[in-house]
Amino acid sequence: MRLPSRAADEVFVLRFWKEEAGVSGEKQWRAQITNVNARKRQFVNTAEAAFALVLASLKAAAFNENGRD
């Protein structure tokens, strides 16, 4: 079995918390996504959006590494 190259690893830190949204006082999930490799941080308002950003980053990394999907 071949072990993956550490250089090709993508490392993400996802932090989730609830905070009040707008005047209603209703709480909603927020997330911070940190891509360790790219040294980039992004904030989103839903867990689905957080995972979509991670998936998009992984697809881009795979495309850049292989030249295709």
Protein backbone atom coordinates (compact mmCIF):
# COMPACT_ATOMS: atom_id res chain seq x y z
CA MET A 1 0.00 0.00 0.00
CA ARG A 2 1.37 3.36 -1.01
CA LEU A 3 1.23 6.17 1.55
CA PRO A 4 0.12 9.60 0.35
CA SER A 5 2.72 12.32 -0.01
CA ARG A 6 2.65 14.82 2.86
CA ALA A 7 3.30 17.59 0.34
CA ALA A 8 -0.03 16.76 -1.29
CA ASP A 9 -1.96 16.84 2.01
CA GLU A 10 -4.61 19.53 2.40
CA VAL A 11 -5.09 20.65 6.00
CA PHE A 12 -8.24 22.47 7.14
CA VAL A 13 -9.38 23.67 10.55
CA LEU A 14 -13.14 24.14 10.87
CA ARG A 15 -14.53 26.08 13.83
CA PHE A 16 -18.31 26.21 14.36
CA TRP A 17 -20.26 28.40 16.79
CA LYS A 18 -23.75 29.86 17.17
CA GLU A 19 -24.41 33.57 17.21
CA GLU A 20 -27.41 35.85 17.00
CA ALA A 21 -28.55 36.73 13.51
CA GLY A 22 -30.13 40.12 12.99
CA VAL A 23 -32.80 41.80 15.06
CA SER A 24 -34.81 38.63 15.74
CA GLY A 25 -32.20 37.36 18.18
CA GLU A 26 -32.43 33.94 16.57
CA LYS A 27 -29.14 32.05 16.72
CA GLN A 28 -27.57 30.53 13.63
CA TRP A 29 -24.46 28.49 12.95
CA ARG A 30 -21.37 30.32 11.77
CA ALA A 31 -18.13 28.73 10.68
CA GLN A 32 -14.54 29.72 10.16
CA ILE A 33 -12.56 27.63 7.69
CA THR A 34 -8.79 27.88 7.83
CA ASN A 35 -6.85 26.34 4.97
CA VAL A 36 -3.46 25.73 6.55
CA ASN A 37 -1.75 25.09 3.21
CA ALA A 38 -2.93 28.33 1.60
CA ARG A 39 -2.83 30.29 4.87
CA LYS A 40 -6.31 31.54 4.09
CA ARG A 41 -9.32 32.05 6.37
CA GLN A 42 -12.93 32.30 5.30
CA PHE A 43 -16.15 32.78 7.23
CA VAL A 44 -19.57 31.39 6.26
CA ASN A 45 -23.05 31.32 7.78
CA THR A 46 -23.90 27.62 7.46
CA ALA A 47 -22.26 24.26 7.99
CA GLU A 48 -23.19 23.31 4.42
CA ALA A 49 -21.30 26.33 3.07
CA ALA A 50 -18.26 25.41 5.18
CA PHE A 51 -18.11 21.91 3.76
CA ALA A 52 -18.75 23.22 0.23
CA LEU A 53 -15.68 25.48 0.57
CA VAL A 54 -13.56 22.56 1.75
CA LEU A 55 -14.80 20.39 -1.13
CA ALA A 56 -14.06 23.13 -3.67
CA SER A 57 -10.54 23.55 -2.27
CA LEU A 58 -9.90 19.80 -2.43
CA LYS A 59 -11.13 19.62 -6.03
CA ALA A 60 -8.90 22.56 -7.00
CA ALA A 61 -5.89 20.94 -5.32
CA ALA A 62 -6.56 17.64 -7.12
CA PHE A 63 -6.92 19.46 -10.45
CA ASN A 64 -3.67 21.37 -9.92
CA GLU A 65 -1.83 18.20 -8.92
CA ASN A 66 -3.14 15.98 -11.72
CA GLY A 67 -4.11 18.51 -14.36
CA ARG A 68 -7.63 17.08 -14.33
CA ASP A 69 -10.50 16.18 -11.94
